Protein backbone atom coordinates (compact mmCIF):
# COMPACT_ATOMS: atom_id res chain seq x y z
CA MET A 1 -18.11 1.32 8.44
CA LYS A 2 -17.27 2.81 5.19
CA VAL A 3 -16.42 0.49 2.31
CA LEU A 4 -14.12 1.47 -0.48
CA VAL A 5 -13.65 -0.71 -3.60
CA LEU A 6 -10.83 -0.41 -6.18
CA THR A 7 -12.06 -1.71 -9.52
CA GLY A 8 -10.96 -1.56 -13.15
CA PRO A 9 -8.80 -3.66 -15.54
CA GLU A 10 -5.62 -5.43 -14.67
CA SER A 11 -2.37 -3.46 -14.26
CA SER A 12 -4.11 -0.25 -13.51
CA GLY A 13 -2.72 -0.02 -10.03
CA LYS A 14 -5.50 -1.33 -7.74
CA SER A 15 -3.43 -3.37 -5.32
CA TRP A 16 -0.63 -0.85 -5.16
CA LEU A 17 -3.07 1.98 -4.60
CA ALA A 18 -5.07 -0.13 -1.98
CA GLU A 19 -1.99 -0.60 0.07
CA ALA A 20 -1.12 3.26 -0.28
CA LEU A 21 -4.61 4.16 1.02
CA GLN A 22 -4.45 1.74 3.76
CA ARG A 23 -1.10 3.14 4.87
CA ARG A 24 -2.49 6.62 4.92
CA PHE A 25 -6.10 6.07 6.27
CA GLY A 26 -5.77 2.88 8.17
CA GLY A 27 -8.53 0.36 8.02
CA VAL A 28 -8.69 -3.20 6.82
CA LEU A 29 -7.40 -4.22 3.33
CA VAL A 30 -8.96 -7.27 1.54
CA GLY A 31 -6.84 -8.64 -1.25
CA GLU A 32 -7.71 -10.27 -4.55
CA TYR A 33 -8.68 -13.88 -3.81
CA VAL A 34 -8.20 -15.09 -7.41
CA ARG A 35 -4.44 -14.52 -7.06
CA HIS A 36 -4.37 -16.65 -4.04
CA PHE A 37 -6.46 -19.31 -5.97
CA ILE A 38 -4.11 -19.35 -8.84
CA GLU A 39 -1.05 -19.69 -6.65
CA GLN A 40 -2.60 -22.51 -4.81
CA GLN A 41 -3.75 -24.37 -7.92
CA GLY A 42 -0.66 -23.62 -10.03
CA ARG A 43 -2.69 -23.38 -13.17
CA ASP A 44 -4.80 -20.98 -15.19
CA THR A 45 -8.38 -20.80 -14.25
CA CYS A 46 -11.42 -22.33 -16.06
CA TYR A 47 -15.09 -21.59 -15.98
CA ALA A 48 -15.67 -24.30 -13.29
CA ASP A 49 -13.34 -22.25 -10.95
CA ILE A 50 -15.49 -19.16 -11.06
CA PRO A 51 -17.87 -20.16 -8.22
CA ALA A 52 -15.02 -21.11 -5.94
CA ILE A 53 -13.10 -17.80 -6.65
CA ALA A 54 -16.23 -15.77 -6.16
CA ARG A 55 -17.01 -17.55 -2.87
CA GLY A 56 -13.45 -17.16 -1.72
CA GLN A 57 -13.50 -13.43 -2.41
CA LEU A 58 -16.87 -13.11 -0.51
CA ALA A 59 -15.47 -15.13 2.34
CA TRP A 60 -12.36 -12.80 2.68
CA GLU A 61 -14.67 -9.82 2.46
CA ASP A 62 -17.20 -11.16 5.06
CA GLN A 63 -14.28 -11.89 7.49
CA ALA A 64 -13.13 -8.40 7.13
CA ARG A 65 -16.76 -6.91 7.48
CA ALA A 66 -17.20 -8.97 10.77
CA ALA A 67 -14.47 -7.05 12.33
CA ARG A 68 -16.42 -3.95 11.69
CA PRO A 69 -13.46 -1.61 10.86
CA ASP A 70 -14.18 2.10 10.32
CA LEU A 71 -12.70 1.67 6.80
CA LEU A 72 -12.75 -1.33 4.73
CA ILE A 73 -10.69 -1.29 1.56
CA LEU A 74 -11.32 -3.90 -0.98
CA ASP A 75 -8.70 -4.39 -3.63
CA THR A 76 -11.57 -5.82 -5.74
CA HIS A 77 -15.09 -7.40 -5.46
CA LEU A 78 -17.48 -9.56 -7.37
CA LEU A 79 -17.67 -7.08 -10.20
CA SER A 80 -14.24 -8.27 -11.36
CA ASN A 81 -15.30 -11.96 -11.08
CA LEU A 82 -18.53 -11.23 -13.06
CA LEU A 83 -16.70 -9.36 -15.81
CA TRP A 84 -13.72 -11.66 -16.02
CA SER A 85 -16.01 -14.68 -16.33
CA GLN A 86 -17.99 -12.98 -19.11
CA SER A 87 -14.86 -11.96 -20.84
CA LEU A 88 -12.93 -15.19 -20.67
CA PHE A 89 -15.65 -17.64 -20.81
CA GLY A 90 -18.67 -15.86 -22.32
CA ASP A 91 -20.80 -16.64 -19.25
CA CYS A 92 -21.09 -16.02 -15.50
CA PRO A 93 -22.80 -18.01 -12.79
CA ALA A 94 -26.30 -16.42 -12.29
CA TRP A 95 -25.78 -15.95 -8.56
CA ILE A 96 -22.72 -13.73 -8.73
CA GLU A 97 -24.53 -10.37 -9.75
CA PRO A 98 -27.34 -10.75 -7.22
CA ALA A 99 -24.73 -11.40 -4.49
CA LEU A 100 -22.81 -8.31 -5.58
CA LEU A 101 -25.93 -6.25 -5.58
CA ALA A 102 -26.95 -7.35 -2.07
CA ARG A 103 -23.96 -5.67 -0.54
CA ARG A 104 -23.27 -2.07 0.34
CA TYR A 105 -20.29 -0.34 -1.18
CA ASP A 106 -19.90 3.23 -0.33
CA LEU A 107 -17.40 4.34 -3.03
CA HIS A 108 -15.60 2.78 -6.02
CA LEU A 109 -12.33 4.03 -7.38
CA LEU A 110 -12.45 2.98 -11.01
CA LEU A 111 -8.95 2.92 -12.40
CA ASP A 112 -8.39 3.84 -16.02
CA PRO A 113 -5.68 1.74 -17.86
CA GLN A 114 -4.48 4.69 -19.86
CA ASP A 115 -1.35 6.54 -19.00
CA VAL A 116 0.29 3.59 -17.12
CA PRO A 117 2.10 0.73 -18.68
CA TRP A 118 0.85 -2.90 -18.57
CA ILE A 119 3.15 -5.05 -16.32
CA ASP A 120 3.41 -8.70 -16.85
CA ASP A 121 3.25 -10.46 -13.58
CA GLY A 122 2.53 -14.15 -14.88
CA GLN A 123 -1.17 -13.91 -14.11
CA ARG A 124 -2.25 -11.11 -16.37
CA CYS A 125 -3.61 -11.72 -19.71
CA GLN A 126 -4.54 -8.39 -21.40
CA PRO A 127 -1.38 -6.72 -22.68
CA GLN A 128 -3.33 -4.73 -25.33
CA LEU A 129 -4.54 -1.39 -24.13
CA ALA A 130 -7.72 -1.85 -26.22
CA GLU A 131 -8.66 -4.91 -24.23
CA ARG A 132 -8.05 -3.18 -20.83
CA LEU A 133 -10.07 -0.11 -22.14
CA ASP A 134 -12.95 -2.46 -23.01
CA PHE A 135 -12.80 -3.95 -19.47
CA HIS A 136 -12.69 -0.37 -17.94
CA GLN A 137 -15.79 0.56 -20.04
CA ALA A 138 -17.70 -2.62 -18.94
CA CYS A 139 -16.92 -1.63 -15.24
CA ARG A 140 -18.16 1.94 -15.90
CA ASP A 141 -21.31 0.67 -17.59
CA TRP A 142 -22.06 -1.70 -14.78
CA LEU A 143 -21.43 0.82 -12.05
CA GLN A 144 -23.58 3.41 -13.78
CA ALA A 145 -26.37 0.94 -14.68
CA HIS A 146 -26.55 -0.04 -10.93
CA ARG A 147 -26.14 3.52 -9.67
CA GLN A 148 -23.07 2.69 -7.72
CA PRO A 149 -20.97 5.60 -6.45
CA PHE A 150 -17.64 5.82 -8.30
CA VAL A 151 -14.86 8.11 -9.31
CA ASN A 152 -12.69 7.52 -12.26
CA LEU A 153 -8.91 7.82 -11.82
CA ARG A 154 -6.39 8.24 -14.49
CA GLY A 155 -2.91 9.70 -15.06
CA ASP A 156 0.48 8.43 -14.35
CA TRP A 157 1.23 6.50 -11.12
CA LEU A 158 1.83 9.53 -8.95
CA GLN A 159 -1.25 11.50 -10.47
CA ARG A 160 -3.54 8.58 -9.73
CA GLN A 161 -2.18 8.22 -6.15
CA GLN A 162 -2.58 11.92 -5.46
CA GLN A 163 -6.24 11.89 -6.80
CA ALA A 164 -7.04 8.70 -4.76
CA LEU A 165 -5.67 10.28 -1.60
CA GLN A 166 -7.46 13.57 -2.23
CA ARG A 167 -10.88 11.97 -2.99
CA VAL A 168 -10.75 9.38 -0.21
CA ALA A 169 -9.64 12.04 2.35
CA ALA A 170 -12.68 14.26 1.23
CA TRP A 171 -14.94 11.21 1.23
CA LEU A 172 -13.90 10.18 4.82
CA ALA A 173 -14.40 13.75 6.00
CA GLN A 174 -18.11 13.63 5.03
């Protein structure tokens, strides 16, 4: 099983690109649990929600891993939970980073917020490009510090889709 993760700031195309990759390459796609959580709760999240959101994301991922697909595509993983918790609340439950590091992820597609517009969907909260760039840098810093394999993607929607399809095709052929 090869595990692909899409990561980066909001409104950079992770969900859209994950779906395009699944259409092209097959596999199992795991969505972003926090969206489900917010829809169920009908309110903004608070720090006390972070453990439930992280555990929900892990449960969705574990269910998909148990099926042992050739390709597992994750729209996000615990890195987003970790960084959002730190960004919004100045703290993160101590168990999240070790839980993230305990899992194997074969390739991360890190999506740059530049060159694409921010789209308000009712759940997003970083309309300023500077905020999204800071989040992107935090993702990059974490991936580099923990020696996680990643490719940075940027450009307009079509360019990032073409880059992703080419990179994933080459990676799957290895």
